[in-house]
Amino acid sequence: MKQQAIRLDEALWSRPPESFVPHNLAGEGPRGGAPVEIAWPQKRNSSPRDILISLRLNFADFATAFTEVIDFVPYEDNLKQLARETL
């Protein structure tokens, strides 16, 4: 999951300036954090955040700490079914 976070971080940094998303990896960046923080289960910030965008295949047990949770549904049928069963 850390490697996935690093790839997302690098992809966001490669965006054109006019579509830049202010962000940082968990534990990096300014003291108050950027509007978007990229974290993974082993490296989560304890500061409150409003929205969780989860890329996990299973439910994030810490999701209840957020006001809103956005989950992505996998494309593959077997993974879609697994996601339905774990919610």
PDB file of N, CA and C in Angstrom:
ATOM      1  N   MET A   1       0.806  -1.192   0.000  1.00  0.00           N
ATOM      2  CA  MET A   1       0.000   0.000   0.000  1.00  0.00           C
ATOM      3  C   MET A   1       0.855   1.265   0.000  1.00  0.00           C
ATOM      4  N   LYS A   2       2.012   1.187   0.646  1.00  0.00           N
ATOM      5  CA  LYS A   2       2.899   2.349   0.641  1.00  0.00           C
ATOM      6  C   LYS A   2       3.332   2.674  -0.786  1.00  0.00           C
ATOM      7  N   GLN A   3       3.669   1.647  -1.563  1.00  0.00           N
ATOM      8  CA  GLN A   3       4.094   1.884  -2.950  1.00  0.00           C
ATOM      9  C   GLN A   3       2.974   2.504  -3.774  1.00  0.00           C
ATOM     10  N   GLN A   4       1.746   2.092  -3.528  1.00  0.00           N
ATOM     11  CA  GLN A   4       0.599   2.668  -4.226  1.00  0.00           C
ATOM     12  C   GLN A   4       0.455   4.149  -3.859  1.00  0.00           C
ATOM     13  N   ALA A   5       0.662   4.483  -2.590  1.00  0.00           N
ATOM     14  CA  ALA A   5       0.595   5.880  -2.143  1.00  0.00           C
ATOM     15  C   ALA A   5       1.688   6.713  -2.808  1.00  0.00           C
ATOM     16  N   ILE A   6       2.881   6.159  -2.904  1.00  0.00           N
ATOM     17  CA  ILE A   6       3.995   6.874  -3.535  1.00  0.00           C
ATOM     18  C   ILE A   6       3.714   7.101  -5.017  1.00  0.00           C
ATOM     19  N   ARG A   7       3.162   6.097  -5.686  1.00  0.00           N
ATOM     20  CA  ARG A   7       2.814   6.267  -7.111  1.00  0.00           C
ATOM     21  C   ARG A   7       1.750   7.345  -7.301  1.00  0.00           C
ATOM     22  N   LEU A   8       0.764   7.382  -6.420  1.00  0.00           N
ATOM     23  CA  LEU A   8      -0.270   8.414  -6.502  1.00  0.00           C
ATOM     24  C   LEU A   8       0.337   9.789  -6.255  1.00  0.00           C
ATOM     25  N   ASP A   9       1.212   9.896  -5.279  1.00  0.00           N
ATOM     26  CA  ASP A   9       1.910  11.151  -4.994  1.00  0.00           C
ATOM     27  C   ASP A   9       2.679  11.631  -6.221  1.00  0.00           C
ATOM     28  N   GLU A  10       3.432  10.739  -6.834  1.00  0.00           N
ATOM     29  CA  GLU A  10       4.213  11.106  -8.026  1.00  0.00           C
ATOM     30  C   GLU A  10       3.305  11.514  -9.184  1.00  0.00           C
ATOM     31  N   ALA A  11       2.183  10.824  -9.345  1.00  0.00           N
ATOM     32  CA  ALA A  11       1.248  11.176 -10.421  1.00  0.00           C
ATOM     33  C   ALA A  11       0.653  12.563 -10.193  1.00  0.00           C
ATOM     34  N   LEU A  12       0.335  12.888  -8.951  1.00  0.00           N
ATOM     35  CA  LEU A  12      -0.220  14.216  -8.663  1.00  0.00           C
ATOM     36  C   LEU A  12       0.814  15.317  -8.893  1.00  0.00           C
ATOM     37  N   TRP A  13       2.082  15.043  -8.588  1.00  0.00           N
ATOM     38  CA  TRP A  13       3.132  16.041  -8.821  1.00  0.00           C
ATOM     39  C   TRP A  13       3.389  16.254 -10.307  1.00  0.00           C
ATOM     40  N   SER A  14       3.041  15.296 -11.138  1.00  0.00           N
ATOM     41  CA  SER A  14       3.312  15.431 -12.573  1.00  0.00           C
ATOM     42  C   SER A  14       2.181  16.142 -13.324  1.00  0.00           C
ATOM     43  N   ARG A  15       1.122  16.523 -12.626  1.00  0.00           N
ATOM     44  CA  ARG A  15       0.004  17.226 -13.255  1.00  0.00           C
ATOM     45  C   ARG A  15       0.437  18.624 -13.688  1.00  0.00           C
ATOM     46  N   PRO A  16      -0.204  19.192 -14.704  1.00  0.00           N
ATOM     47  CA  PRO A  16       0.093  20.570 -15.112  1.00  0.00           C
ATOM     48  C   PRO A  16      -0.220  21.536 -13.964  1.00  0.00           C
ATOM     49  N   PRO A  17       0.494  22.652 -13.892  1.00  0.00           N
ATOM     50  CA  PRO A  17       0.297  23.601 -12.786  1.00  0.00           C
ATOM     51  C   PRO A  17      -1.159  24.033 -12.586  1.00  0.00           C
ATOM     52  N   GLU A  18      -1.904  24.199 -13.663  1.00  0.00           N
ATOM     53  CA  GLU A  18      -3.285  24.673 -13.524  1.00  0.00           C
ATOM     54  C   GLU A  18      -4.234  23.621 -12.932  1.00  0.00           C
ATOM     55  N   SER A  19      -3.802  22.369 -12.875  1.00  0.00           N
ATOM     56  CA  SER A  19      -4.648  21.329 -12.282  1.00  0.00           C
ATOM     57  C   SER A  19      -3.976  20.677 -11.070  1.00  0.00           C
ATOM     58  N   PHE A  20      -3.009  21.372 -10.490  1.00  0.00           N
ATOM     59  CA  PHE A  20      -2.278  20.848  -9.340  1.00  0.00           C
ATOM     60  C   PHE A  20      -3.204  20.659  -8.141  1.00  0.00           C
ATOM     61  N   VAL A  21      -3.035  19.563  -7.431  1.00  0.00           N
ATOM     62  CA  VAL A  21      -3.780  19.276  -6.208  1.00  0.00           C
ATOM     63  C   VAL A  21      -2.794  19.366  -5.044  1.00  0.00           C
ATOM     64  N   PRO A  22      -2.947  20.360  -4.148  1.00  0.00           N
ATOM     65  CA  PRO A  22      -2.033  20.465  -3.002  1.00  0.00           C
ATOM     66  C   PRO A  22      -2.160  19.212  -2.128  1.00  0.00           C
ATOM     67  N   HIS A  23      -1.055  18.532  -1.919  1.00  0.00           N
ATOM     68  CA  HIS A  23      -1.090  17.271  -1.189  1.00  0.00           C
ATOM     69  C   HIS A  23       0.266  16.974  -0.575  1.00  0.00           C
ATOM     70  N   ASN A  24       0.286  15.977   0.286  1.00  0.00           N
ATOM     71  CA  ASN A  24       1.539  15.441   0.810  1.00  0.00           C
ATOM     72  C   ASN A  24       1.315  14.003   1.258  1.00  0.00           C
ATOM     73  N   LEU A  25       2.409  13.259   1.330  1.00  0.00           N
ATOM     74  CA  LEU A  25       2.353  11.924   1.916  1.00  0.00           C
ATOM     75  C   LEU A  25       2.242  12.084   3.428  1.00  0.00           C
ATOM     76  N   ALA A  26       1.613  11.139   4.098  1.00  0.00           N
ATOM     77  CA  ALA A  26       1.474  11.191   5.552  1.00  0.00           C
ATOM     78  C   ALA A  26       2.841  11.364   6.201  1.00  0.00           C
ATOM     79  N   GLY A  27       2.922  12.288   7.136  1.00  0.00           N
ATOM     80  CA  GLY A  27       4.172  12.538   7.844  1.00  0.00           C
ATOM     81  C   GLY A  27       5.085  13.525   7.159  1.00  0.00           C
ATOM     82  N   GLU A  28       4.724  13.993   5.977  1.00  0.00           N
ATOM     83  CA  GLU A  28       5.528  14.970   5.245  1.00  0.00           C
ATOM     84  C   GLU A  28       4.726  16.260   5.102  1.00  0.00           C
ATOM     85  N   GLY A  29       5.340  17.260   4.549  1.00  0.00           N
ATOM     86  CA  GLY A  29       4.621  18.494   4.250  1.00  0.00           C
ATOM     87  C   GLY A  29       4.544  19.453   5.424  1.00  0.00           C
ATOM     88  N   PRO A  30       3.708  20.487   5.291  1.00  0.00           N
ATOM     89  CA  PRO A  30       3.612  21.527   6.311  1.00  0.00           C
ATOM     90  C   PRO A  30       3.023  21.001   7.618  1.00  0.00           C
ATOM     91  N   ARG A  31       3.252  21.746   8.681  1.00  0.00           N
ATOM     92  CA  ARG A  31       2.823  21.327  10.019  1.00  0.00           C
ATOM     93  C   ARG A  31       1.327  20.996  10.071  1.00  0.00           C
ATOM     94  N   GLY A  32       0.495  21.837   9.507  1.00  0.00           N
ATOM     95  CA  GLY A  32      -0.944  21.594   9.517  1.00  0.00           C
ATOM     96  C   GLY A  32      -1.393  20.621   8.445  1.00  0.00           C
ATOM     97  N   GLY A  33      -0.478  20.220   7.588  1.00  0.00           N
ATOM     98  CA  GLY A  33      -0.814  19.314   6.500  1.00  0.00           C
ATOM     99  C   GLY A  33      -1.403  20.041   5.320  1.00  0.00           C
ATOM    100  N   ALA A  34      -1.345  19.431   4.189  1.00  0.00           N
ATOM    101  CA  ALA A  34      -1.951  19.970   2.971  1.00  0.00           C
ATOM    102  C   ALA A  34      -3.433  19.587   2.971  1.00  0.00           C
ATOM    103  N   PRO A  35      -4.227  20.197   2.096  1.00  0.00           N
ATOM    104  CA  PRO A  35      -5.643  19.827   2.031  1.00  0.00           C
ATOM    105  C   PRO A  35      -5.858  18.335   1.748  1.00  0.00           C
ATOM    106  N   VAL A  36      -4.930  17.723   1.032  1.00  0.00           N
ATOM    107  CA  VAL A  36      -5.029  16.294   0.716  1.00  0.00           C
ATOM    108  C   VAL A  36      -3.810  15.593   1.299  1.00  0.00           C
ATOM    109  N   GLU A  37      -4.063  14.553   2.080  1.00  0.00           N
ATOM    110  CA  GLU A  37      -2.973  13.756   2.629  1.00  0.00           C
ATOM    111  C   GLU A  37      -3.111  12.333   2.114  1.00  0.00           C
ATOM    112  N   ILE A  38      -2.031  11.798   1.576  1.00  0.00           N
ATOM    113  CA  ILE A  38      -2.019  10.430   1.062  1.00  0.00           C
ATOM    114  C   ILE A  38      -1.399   9.550   2.144  1.00  0.00           C
ATOM    115  N   ALA A  39      -2.195   8.615   2.629  1.00  0.00           N
ATOM    116  CA  ALA A  39      -1.731   7.762   3.722  1.00  0.00           C
ATOM    117  C   ALA A  39      -2.030   6.306   3.394  1.00  0.00           C
ATOM    118  N   TRP A  40      -1.570   5.422   4.236  1.00  0.00           N
ATOM    119  CA  TRP A  40      -1.838   3.995   4.136  1.00  0.00           C
ATOM    120  C   TRP A  40      -1.976   3.494   5.562  1.00  0.00           C
ATOM    121  N   PRO A  41      -2.535   2.315   5.768  1.00  0.00           N
ATOM    122  CA  PRO A  41      -2.862   1.880   7.131  1.00  0.00           C
ATOM    123  C   PRO A  41      -1.708   1.959   8.131  1.00  0.00           C
ATOM    124  N   GLN A  42      -0.497   1.662   7.720  1.00  0.00           N
ATOM    125  CA  GLN A  42       0.627   1.692   8.653  1.00  0.00           C
ATOM    126  C   GLN A  42       1.162   3.109   8.877  1.00  0.00           C
ATOM    127  N   LYS A  43       0.685   4.072   8.121  1.00  0.00           N
ATOM    128  CA  LYS A  43       1.193   5.448   8.235  1.00  0.00           C
ATOM    129  C   LYS A  43       0.018   6.418   8.112  1.00  0.00           C
ATOM    130  N   ARG A  44      -0.773   6.478   9.166  1.00  0.00           N
ATOM    131  CA  ARG A  44      -1.907   7.396   9.167  1.00  0.00           C
ATOM    132  C   ARG A  44      -1.634   8.525  10.138  1.00  0.00           C
ATOM    133  N   ASN A  45      -2.075   9.706   9.771  1.00  0.00           N
ATOM    134  CA  ASN A  45      -1.962  10.868  10.622  1.00  0.00           C
ATOM    135  C   ASN A  45      -3.134  10.859  11.587  1.00  0.00           C
ATOM    136  N   SER A  46      -2.902  11.262  12.827  1.00  0.00           N
ATOM    137  CA  SER A  46      -3.996  11.280  13.799  1.00  0.00           C
ATOM    138  C   SER A  46      -4.805  12.572  13.731  1.00  0.00           C
ATOM    139  N   SER A  47      -4.371  13.523  12.921  1.00  0.00           N
ATOM    140  CA  SER A  47      -5.127  14.761  12.770  1.00  0.00           C
ATOM    141  C   SER A  47      -6.455  14.467  12.086  1.00  0.00           C
ATOM    142  N   PRO A  48      -7.513  15.142  12.522  1.00  0.00           N
ATOM    143  CA  PRO A  48      -8.821  14.879  11.909  1.00  0.00           C
ATOM    144  C   PRO A  48      -8.870  15.317  10.450  1.00  0.00           C
ATOM    145  N   ARG A  49      -9.514  14.536   9.646  1.00  0.00           N
ATOM    146  CA  ARG A  49      -9.730  14.828   8.225  1.00  0.00           C
ATOM    147  C   ARG A  49     -11.210  14.631   7.938  1.00  0.00           C
ATOM    148  N   ASP A  50     -11.730  15.345   6.953  1.00  0.00           N
ATOM    149  CA  ASP A  50     -13.154  15.255   6.640  1.00  0.00           C
ATOM    150  C   ASP A  50     -13.498  14.076   5.743  1.00  0.00           C
ATOM    151  N   ILE A  51     -12.687  13.850   4.724  1.00  0.00           N
ATOM    152  CA  ILE A  51     -13.035  12.869   3.695  1.00  0.00           C
ATOM    153  C   ILE A  51     -11.951  11.803   3.578  1.00  0.00           C
ATOM    154  N   LEU A  52     -12.382  10.563   3.496  1.00  0.00           N
ATOM    155  CA  LEU A  52     -11.485   9.442   3.220  1.00  0.00           C
ATOM    156  C   LEU A  52     -11.814   8.925   1.830  1.00  0.00           C
ATOM    157  N   ILE A  53     -10.827   8.895   0.957  1.00  0.00           N
ATOM    158  CA  ILE A  53     -10.973   8.255  -0.348  1.00  0.00           C
ATOM    159  C   ILE A  53     -10.193   6.952  -0.245  1.00  0.00           C
ATOM    160  N   SER A  54     -10.917   5.871  -0.175  1.00  0.00           N
ATOM    161  CA  SER A  54     -10.300   4.578   0.086  1.00  0.00           C
ATOM    162  C   SER A  54     -10.056   3.807  -1.202  1.00  0.00           C
ATOM    163  N   LEU A  55      -8.855   3.294  -1.339  1.00  0.00           N
ATOM    164  CA  LEU A  55      -8.501   2.445  -2.475  1.00  0.00           C
ATOM    165  C   LEU A  55      -8.360   0.989  -2.034  1.00  0.00           C
ATOM    166  N   ARG A  56      -8.760   0.709  -0.803  1.00  0.00           N
ATOM    167  CA  ARG A  56      -8.627  -0.641  -0.260  1.00  0.00           C
ATOM    168  C   ARG A  56      -9.676  -1.571  -0.839  1.00  0.00           C
ATOM    169  N   LEU A  57      -9.352  -2.847  -0.894  1.00  0.00           N
ATOM    170  CA  LEU A  57     -10.316  -3.847  -1.351  1.00  0.00           C
ATOM    171  C   LEU A  57     -11.314  -4.199  -0.254  1.00  0.00           C
ATOM    172  N   ASN A  58     -10.919  -4.021   1.005  1.00  0.00           N
ATOM    173  CA  ASN A  58     -11.826  -4.300   2.105  1.00  0.00           C
ATOM    174  C   ASN A  58     -12.088  -3.019   2.901  1.00  0.00           C
ATOM    175  N   PHE A  59     -13.079  -3.056   3.773  1.00  0.00           N
ATOM    176  CA  PHE A  59     -13.492  -1.886   4.537  1.00  0.00           C
ATOM    177  C   PHE A  59     -12.364  -1.411   5.445  1.00  0.00           C
ATOM    178  N   ALA A  60     -12.135  -0.109   5.455  1.00  0.00           N
ATOM    179  CA  ALA A  60     -11.107   0.479   6.317  1.00  0.00           C
ATOM    180  C   ALA A  60     -11.695   0.641   7.719  1.00  0.00           C
ATOM    181  N   ASP A  61     -11.157  -0.078   8.705  1.00  0.00           N
ATOM    182  CA  ASP A  61     -11.717  -0.038  10.054  1.00  0.00           C
ATOM    183  C   ASP A  61     -11.641   1.346  10.694  1.00  0.00           C
ATOM    184  N   PHE A  62     -10.812   2.220  10.181  1.00  0.00           N
ATOM    185  CA  PHE A  62     -10.686   3.574  10.718  1.00  0.00           C
ATOM    186  C   PHE A  62     -11.589   4.574   9.998  1.00  0.00           C
ATOM    187  N   ALA A  63     -12.409   4.103   9.067  1.00  0.00           N
ATOM    188  CA  ALA A  63     -13.253   4.987   8.250  1.00  0.00           C
ATOM    189  C   ALA A  63     -14.257   5.772   9.081  1.00  0.00           C
ATOM    190  N   THR A  64     -14.640   5.258  10.237  1.00  0.00           N
ATOM    191  CA  THR A  64     -15.627   5.955  11.063  1.00  0.00           C
ATOM    192  C   THR A  64     -15.101   7.268  11.622  1.00  0.00           C
ATOM    193  N   ALA A  65     -13.801   7.508  11.517  1.00  0.00           N
ATOM    194  CA  ALA A  65     -13.218   8.767  11.985  1.00  0.00           C
ATOM    195  C   ALA A  65     -13.436   9.904  10.989  1.00  0.00           C
ATOM    196  N   PHE A  66     -14.000   9.612   9.833  1.00  0.00           N
ATOM    197  CA  PHE A  66     -14.194  10.607   8.781  1.00  0.00           C
ATOM    198  C   PHE A  66     -15.673  10.949   8.631  1.00  0.00           C
ATOM    199  N   THR A  67     -15.936  12.183   8.179  1.00  0.00           N
ATOM    200  CA  THR A  67     -17.302  12.625   7.932  1.00  0.00           C
ATOM    201  C   THR A  67     -17.877  11.951   6.698  1.00  0.00           C
ATOM    202  N   GLU A  68     -17.042  11.762   5.692  1.00  0.00           N
ATOM    203  CA  GLU A  68     -17.487  11.181   4.422  1.00  0.00           C
ATOM    204  C   GLU A  68     -16.456  10.167   3.941  1.00  0.00           C
ATOM    205  N   VAL A  69     -16.927   9.064   3.389  1.00  0.00           N
ATOM    206  CA  VAL A  69     -16.046   8.027   2.856  1.00  0.00           C
ATOM    207  C   VAL A  69     -16.412   7.782   1.399  1.00  0.00           C
ATOM    208  N   ILE A  70     -15.406   7.800   0.537  1.00  0.00           N
ATOM    209  CA  ILE A  70     -15.592   7.501  -0.878  1.00  0.00           C
ATOM    210  C   ILE A  70     -14.837   6.210  -1.161  1.00  0.00           C
ATOM    211  N   ASP A  71     -15.576   5.201  -1.586  1.00  0.00           N
ATOM    212  CA  ASP A  71     -14.993   3.903  -1.926  1.00  0.00           C
ATOM    213  C   ASP A  71     -15.142   3.678  -3.418  1.00  0.00           C
ATOM    214  N   PHE A  72     -14.168   3.071  -4.019  1.00  0.00           N
ATOM    215  CA  PHE A  72     -14.230   2.743  -5.438  1.00  0.00           C
ATOM    216  C   PHE A  72     -14.624   1.284  -5.596  1.00  0.00           C
ATOM    217  N   VAL A  73     -15.475   1.008  -6.556  1.00  0.00           N
ATOM    218  CA  VAL A  73     -15.897  -0.361  -6.839  1.00  0.00           C
ATOM    219  C   VAL A  73     -14.958  -0.931  -7.894  1.00  0.00           C
ATOM    220  N   PRO A  74     -14.373  -2.103  -7.622  1.00  0.00           N
ATOM    221  CA  PRO A  74     -13.472  -2.708  -8.606  1.00  0.00           C
ATOM    222  C   PRO A  74     -14.195  -3.044  -9.909  1.00  0.00           C
ATOM    223  N   TYR A  75     -13.457  -3.088 -10.979  1.00  0.00           N
ATOM    224  CA  TYR A  75     -14.009  -3.402 -12.299  1.00  0.00           C
ATOM    225  C   TYR A  75     -14.285  -4.894 -12.456  1.00  0.00           C
ATOM    226  N   GLU A  76     -13.397  -5.727 -11.932  1.00  0.00           N
ATOM    227  CA  GLU A  76     -13.523  -7.173 -12.108  1.00  0.00           C
ATOM    228  C   GLU A  76     -14.719  -7.701 -11.319  1.00  0.00           C
ATOM    229  N   ASP A  77     -15.515  -8.566 -11.942  1.00  0.00           N
ATOM    230  CA  ASP A  77     -16.740  -9.073 -11.324  1.00  0.00           C
ATOM    231  C   ASP A  77     -16.491  -9.766  -9.989  1.00  0.00           C
ATOM    232  N   ASN A  78     -15.450 -10.595  -9.911  1.00  0.00           N
ATOM    233  CA  ASN A  78     -15.193 -11.308  -8.658  1.00  0.00           C
ATOM    234  C   ASN A  78     -14.811 -10.340  -7.541  1.00  0.00           C
ATOM    235  N   LEU A  79     -14.090  -9.266  -7.862  1.00  0.00           N
ATOM    236  CA  LEU A  79     -13.734  -8.273  -6.851  1.00  0.00           C
ATOM    237  C   LEU A  79     -14.935  -7.415  -6.472  1.00  0.00           C
ATOM    238  N   LYS A  80     -15.832  -7.152  -7.427  1.00  0.00           N
ATOM    239  CA  LYS A  80     -17.077  -6.436  -7.112  1.00  0.00           C
ATOM    240  C   LYS A  80     -17.885  -7.228  -6.091  1.00  0.00           C
ATOM    241  N   GLN A  81     -18.011  -8.528  -6.338  1.00  0.00           N
ATOM    242  CA  GLN A  81     -18.776  -9.373  -5.428  1.00  0.00           C
ATOM    243  C   GLN A  81     -18.130  -9.392  -4.048  1.00  0.00           C
ATOM    244  N   LEU A  82     -16.831  -9.498  -3.984  1.00  0.00           N
ATOM    245  CA  LEU A  82     -16.117  -9.487  -2.711  1.00  0.00           C
ATOM    246  C   LEU A  82     -16.363  -8.175  -1.972  1.00  0.00           C
ATOM    247  N   ALA A  83     -16.338  -7.053  -2.682  1.00  0.00           N
ATOM    248  CA  ALA A  83     -16.588  -5.746  -2.067  1.00  0.00           C
ATOM    249  C   ALA A  83     -18.000  -5.684  -1.492  1.00  0.00           C
ATOM    250  N   ARG A  84     -18.962  -6.222  -2.200  1.00  0.00           N
ATOM    251  CA  ARG A  84     -20.350  -6.226  -1.708  1.00  0.00           C
ATOM    252  C   ARG A  84     -20.478  -7.046  -0.429  1.00  0.00           C
ATOM    253  N   GLU A  85     -19.770  -8.141  -0.365  1.00  0.00           N
ATOM    254  CA  GLU A  85     -19.872  -9.033   0.789  1.00  0.00           C
ATOM    255  C   GLU A  85     -19.199  -8.469   2.027  1.00  0.00           C
ATOM    256  N   THR A  86     -18.226  -7.603   1.858  1.00  0.00           N
ATOM    257  CA  THR A  86     -17.481  -7.095   3.011  1.00  0.00           C
ATOM    258  C   THR A  86     -18.060  -5.810   3.572  1.00  0.00           C
ATOM    259  N   LEU A  87     -19.073  -5.234   2.940  1.00  0.00           N
ATOM    260  CA  LEU A  87     -19.674  -3.997   3.465  1.00  0.00           C
ATOM    261  C   LEU A  87     -20.769  -4.270   4.430  1.00  0.00           C
TER     262      LEU A  87
END
